[in-house]
Amino acid sequence: MYQSTTTIDYAYRIGDQLRKRRRAAIETLIDDAYRRRGSVRILDLGGRKAYWNIFENGYLASRNAKITLLNPDLSESNTKESEDFVELAGDACSIPAFGNNAFDVVHSNSTIEHVGDWGKMEGFAREARRLAPSYYIQTPYYWFPLEPHVLLPVFHWLPEGVRAKILLHTPLAAYGASVDMGAAMRRVQFYRLLDRAQMTHLFPDAQIRFEWFGPIPKSLIAIREGGG
């Protein structure tokens, strides 16, 4: 299998366009919280500051939005000191430092598929549902034919061992080829895509939406709109 630079660049451009389309749904949650409180506390699980550039300049400030970015560590941080953004190191599957509804909105973009096995995913979902009355959780859809991390067609539908062997011999844009079978297996198991039934189980109080790429569903989004 071979990845051309043109294919990779095109895939990244598509991803950027889709992220911008998500803005309207997220703004609905932010605007609702702002109407109720006059400010908005957002917890972004697995997020980076650059992601929030999908919003127009001044929008977040106009809503008095304060965003907490939670990641496993801060070693790859690209966030400068800012009164509007706070970075914390932590496990998104267990966040005992914050009480129930400590935030107005929990947001996560393409993170739950990386947290580990099913038990870890359940922990992630419990925390997202506990920490705010509203949440927006996006993840790539298992039945979309292009695996979004390695950018190879039908890759994620193959047995784990076959995928690992492919990674041993296929240089990928962001990684290069895996150095040995152990590294290849760890990478394979770092991507666990979900289908709609699994997403519905994890987020039973949410509306589960598809994000479409033409006629094909590309991502799943769980949205709960808080009231009160």
Protein backbone atom coordinates (compact mmCIF):
# COMPACT_ATOMS: atom_id res chain seq x y z
CA MET A 1 0.00 0.00 0.00
CA TYR A 2 1.26 3.47 -0.83
CA GLN A 3 0.24 6.88 0.40
CA SER A 4 0.83 9.79 -1.94
CA THR A 5 1.48 13.25 -0.51
CA THR A 6 -1.43 14.53 -2.58
CA THR A 7 -3.82 12.01 -0.98
CA ILE A 8 -2.64 12.89 2.53
CA ASP A 9 -2.94 16.64 1.96
CA TYR A 10 -6.42 16.17 0.49
CA ALA A 11 -7.51 14.11 3.50
CA TYR A 12 -6.23 16.77 5.90
CA ARG A 13 -8.07 19.50 3.99
CA ILE A 14 -11.30 17.49 4.16
CA GLY A 15 -10.81 17.03 7.89
CA ASP A 16 -10.35 20.75 8.36
CA GLN A 17 -13.52 21.51 6.41
CA LEU A 18 -15.51 19.04 8.49
CA ARG A 19 -14.22 20.49 11.74
CA LYS A 20 -15.44 23.91 10.67
CA ARG A 21 -18.90 22.46 9.96
CA ARG A 22 -19.06 21.27 13.57
CA ARG A 23 -18.82 24.86 14.76
CA ALA A 24 -22.58 25.51 14.56
CA ALA A 25 -23.46 22.60 16.86
CA ILE A 26 -20.82 23.59 19.41
CA GLU A 27 -21.90 27.24 19.29
CA THR A 28 -25.44 26.18 20.17
CA LEU A 29 -24.17 24.66 23.43
CA ILE A 30 -21.94 27.63 24.19
CA ASP A 31 -24.66 30.18 23.44
CA ASP A 32 -27.15 28.33 25.62
CA ALA A 33 -24.75 28.28 28.57
CA TYR A 34 -23.93 31.96 28.06
CA ARG A 35 -27.63 32.89 28.12
CA ARG A 36 -28.02 31.08 31.43
CA ARG A 37 -24.83 32.17 33.20
CA GLY A 38 -23.27 35.10 31.37
CA SER A 39 -20.07 33.10 30.95
CA VAL A 40 -19.10 29.61 29.79
CA ARG A 41 -16.77 27.06 31.38
CA ILE A 42 -15.62 24.52 28.78
CA LEU A 43 -13.66 21.33 29.42
CA ASP A 44 -11.95 20.03 26.29
CA LEU A 45 -10.89 16.41 26.73
CA GLY A 46 -7.83 15.72 24.61
CA GLY A 47 -7.92 19.14 22.96
CA ARG A 48 -5.42 21.73 21.83
CA LYS A 49 -5.76 25.48 21.69
CA ALA A 50 -5.29 25.54 17.90
CA TYR A 51 -8.53 23.59 17.44
CA TRP A 52 -10.55 26.52 18.76
CA ASN A 53 -9.44 28.62 15.81
CA ILE A 54 -12.45 27.16 13.97
CA PHE A 55 -14.44 29.94 15.67
CA GLU A 56 -14.43 33.49 14.38
CA ASN A 57 -12.12 35.96 16.07
CA GLY A 58 -13.75 37.40 19.16
CA TYR A 59 -16.55 34.82 19.43
CA LEU A 60 -15.21 33.00 22.50
CA ALA A 61 -14.34 36.28 24.21
CA SER A 62 -17.83 37.61 23.53
CA ARG A 63 -19.22 34.61 25.43
CA ASN A 64 -16.76 34.98 28.33
CA ALA A 65 -15.56 31.47 27.56
CA LYS A 66 -12.83 29.88 29.67
CA ILE A 67 -11.47 26.64 28.24
CA THR A 68 -9.66 23.94 30.20
CA LEU A 69 -7.61 21.57 28.02
CA LEU A 70 -7.06 18.15 29.61
CA ASN A 71 -4.42 15.83 28.13
CA PRO A 72 -2.39 12.88 29.46
CA ASP A 73 0.69 15.08 29.71
CA LEU A 74 1.89 18.53 28.72
CA SER A 75 5.07 17.45 26.93
CA GLU A 76 3.68 18.28 23.48
CA SER A 77 1.88 21.43 24.52
CA ASN A 78 1.46 24.14 21.92
CA THR A 79 -0.52 26.45 24.19
CA LYS A 80 0.99 29.69 25.44
CA GLU A 81 -0.04 31.22 28.74
CA SER A 82 -3.52 32.69 28.38
CA GLU A 83 -6.27 33.80 30.73
CA ASP A 84 -8.81 32.14 28.43
CA PHE A 85 -7.07 28.72 28.25
CA VAL A 86 -5.81 26.49 31.04
CA GLU A 87 -3.88 23.29 30.41
CA LEU A 88 -4.00 20.35 32.79
CA ALA A 89 -2.38 16.94 32.72
CA GLY A 90 -4.74 14.11 33.59
CA ASP A 91 -6.62 10.98 32.61
CA ALA A 92 -9.87 11.85 30.84
CA CYS A 93 -11.32 8.53 32.01
CA SER A 94 -11.07 9.52 35.68
CA ILE A 95 -11.09 13.19 36.75
CA PRO A 96 -11.80 13.22 40.50
CA ALA A 97 -10.42 16.76 40.87
CA PHE A 98 -13.68 18.19 39.49
CA GLY A 99 -17.13 17.77 40.98
CA ASN A 100 -20.37 17.14 39.14
CA ASN A 101 -21.27 19.91 36.67
CA ALA A 102 -18.02 21.76 37.35
CA PHE A 103 -18.24 22.95 33.72
CA ASP A 104 -21.01 24.13 31.43
CA VAL A 105 -19.88 22.22 28.34
CA VAL A 106 -17.65 19.18 27.87
CA HIS A 107 -16.12 18.98 24.42
CA SER A 108 -14.02 16.29 22.80
CA ASN A 109 -12.85 15.87 19.23
CA SER A 110 -11.38 12.53 18.09
CA THR A 111 -10.19 11.42 21.51
CA ILE A 112 -12.37 8.63 22.89
CA GLU A 113 -11.03 6.20 20.28
CA HIS A 114 -7.54 6.64 21.78
CA VAL A 115 -8.16 6.16 25.50
CA GLY A 116 -7.82 2.38 25.57
CA ASP A 117 -10.10 -0.63 25.87
CA TRP A 118 -13.86 -0.66 26.39
CA GLY A 119 -13.60 -0.12 30.13
CA LYS A 120 -11.56 3.03 29.58
CA MET A 121 -14.10 4.27 27.04
CA GLU A 122 -16.88 3.76 29.59
CA GLY A 123 -14.90 5.78 32.11
CA PHE A 124 -14.39 8.56 29.57
CA ALA A 125 -18.11 8.65 28.80
CA ARG A 126 -19.08 8.70 32.49
CA GLU A 127 -16.81 11.67 33.13
CA ALA A 128 -18.05 13.58 30.09
CA ARG A 129 -21.66 13.06 31.19
CA ARG A 130 -20.91 13.92 34.84
CA LEU A 131 -18.86 17.06 34.45
CA ALA A 132 -21.30 19.29 32.54
CA PRO A 133 -25.00 19.49 31.67
CA SER A 134 -24.06 19.77 27.98
CA TYR A 135 -21.51 17.86 25.97
CA TYR A 136 -20.26 17.39 22.43
CA ILE A 137 -18.25 14.22 21.74
CA GLN A 138 -17.02 13.47 18.22
CA THR A 139 -15.24 10.32 17.03
CA PRO A 140 -14.49 8.75 13.64
CA TYR A 141 -17.06 6.20 12.48
CA TYR A 142 -15.99 2.57 12.28
CA TRP A 143 -17.84 1.93 9.02
CA PHE A 144 -16.28 4.80 7.09
CA PRO A 145 -13.99 3.01 4.62
CA LEU A 146 -10.87 5.17 5.12
CA GLU A 147 -9.07 4.72 8.43
CA PRO A 148 -8.54 8.35 9.54
CA HIS A 149 -5.27 7.93 11.44
CA VAL A 150 -3.17 5.93 9.00
CA LEU A 151 -5.16 7.09 5.94
CA LEU A 152 -5.36 3.63 4.40
CA PRO A 153 -8.64 2.24 2.98
CA VAL A 154 -10.37 -0.58 4.92
CA PHE A 155 -7.29 -0.84 7.17
CA HIS A 156 -9.34 -0.86 10.40
CA TRP A 157 -11.52 -3.73 9.18
CA LEU A 158 -8.56 -6.12 8.97
CA PRO A 159 -7.47 -8.42 11.83
CA GLU A 160 -5.04 -6.85 14.28
CA GLY A 161 -2.15 -9.08 13.22
CA VAL A 162 -2.59 -8.17 9.57
CA ARG A 163 -2.73 -4.47 10.41
CA ALA A 164 0.46 -4.76 12.45
CA LYS A 165 2.29 -6.46 9.57
CA ILE A 166 1.18 -3.68 7.23
CA LEU A 167 2.57 -1.09 9.63
CA LEU A 168 5.89 -2.91 9.68
CA HIS A 169 6.31 -2.39 5.95
CA THR A 170 4.30 0.75 5.11
CA PRO A 171 5.83 4.16 5.87
CA LEU A 172 3.04 6.46 7.02
CA ALA A 173 3.17 10.23 6.70
CA ALA A 174 3.24 11.09 10.38
CA TYR A 175 5.07 8.04 11.74
CA GLY A 176 7.20 6.09 9.29
CA ALA A 177 7.16 2.30 9.43
CA SER A 178 6.97 0.59 12.84
CA VAL A 179 10.35 -0.60 14.08
CA ASP A 180 9.14 -3.99 15.31
CA MET A 181 5.99 -6.05 15.89
CA GLY A 182 5.59 -4.74 19.43
CA ALA A 183 5.51 -1.13 18.25
CA ALA A 184 3.17 -2.06 15.41
CA MET A 185 0.71 -3.77 17.77
CA ARG A 186 0.74 -0.86 20.20
CA ARG A 187 -0.08 1.49 17.35
CA VAL A 188 -2.85 -0.78 16.07
CA GLN A 189 -4.45 -0.92 19.52
CA PHE A 190 -4.19 2.85 19.96
CA TYR A 191 -6.96 3.30 17.39
CA ARG A 192 -10.29 1.76 18.47
CA LEU A 193 -13.07 3.11 16.27
CA LEU A 194 -16.72 2.96 17.38
CA ASP A 195 -19.97 2.19 15.62
CA ARG A 196 -23.34 3.77 16.33
CA ALA A 197 -24.58 1.06 18.70
CA GLN A 198 -21.46 1.41 20.86
CA MET A 199 -21.70 5.21 20.87
CA THR A 200 -25.38 5.02 21.86
CA HIS A 201 -24.51 2.72 24.76
CA LEU A 202 -21.76 5.03 25.98
CA PHE A 203 -23.91 8.18 25.72
CA PRO A 204 -27.52 7.05 26.31
CA ASP A 205 -28.75 10.56 27.16
CA ALA A 206 -27.37 12.13 23.97
CA GLN A 207 -28.58 12.61 20.45
CA ILE A 208 -26.27 10.58 18.21
CA ARG A 209 -25.67 12.29 14.88
CA PHE A 210 -23.77 11.28 11.80
CA GLU A 211 -21.32 13.65 10.17
CA TRP A 212 -21.49 13.01 6.44
CA PHE A 213 -18.84 12.98 3.74
CA GLY A 214 -21.01 13.06 0.62
CA PRO A 215 -23.40 10.10 0.92
CA ILE A 216 -21.22 8.26 3.46
CA PRO A 217 -21.26 8.80 7.26
CA LYS A 218 -17.71 9.74 8.32
CA SER A 219 -17.99 10.51 12.05
CA LEU A 220 -20.29 10.04 15.02
CA ILE A 221 -21.23 12.93 17.29
CA ALA A 222 -22.94 12.60 20.67
CA ILE A 223 -24.67 15.83 21.74
CA ARG A 224 -26.51 16.55 24.96
CA GLU A 225 -28.05 19.97 25.35
CA GLY A 226 -28.24 21.07 28.98
CA GLY A 227 -31.31 22.77 30.36
CA GLY A 228 -32.21 24.64 33.43
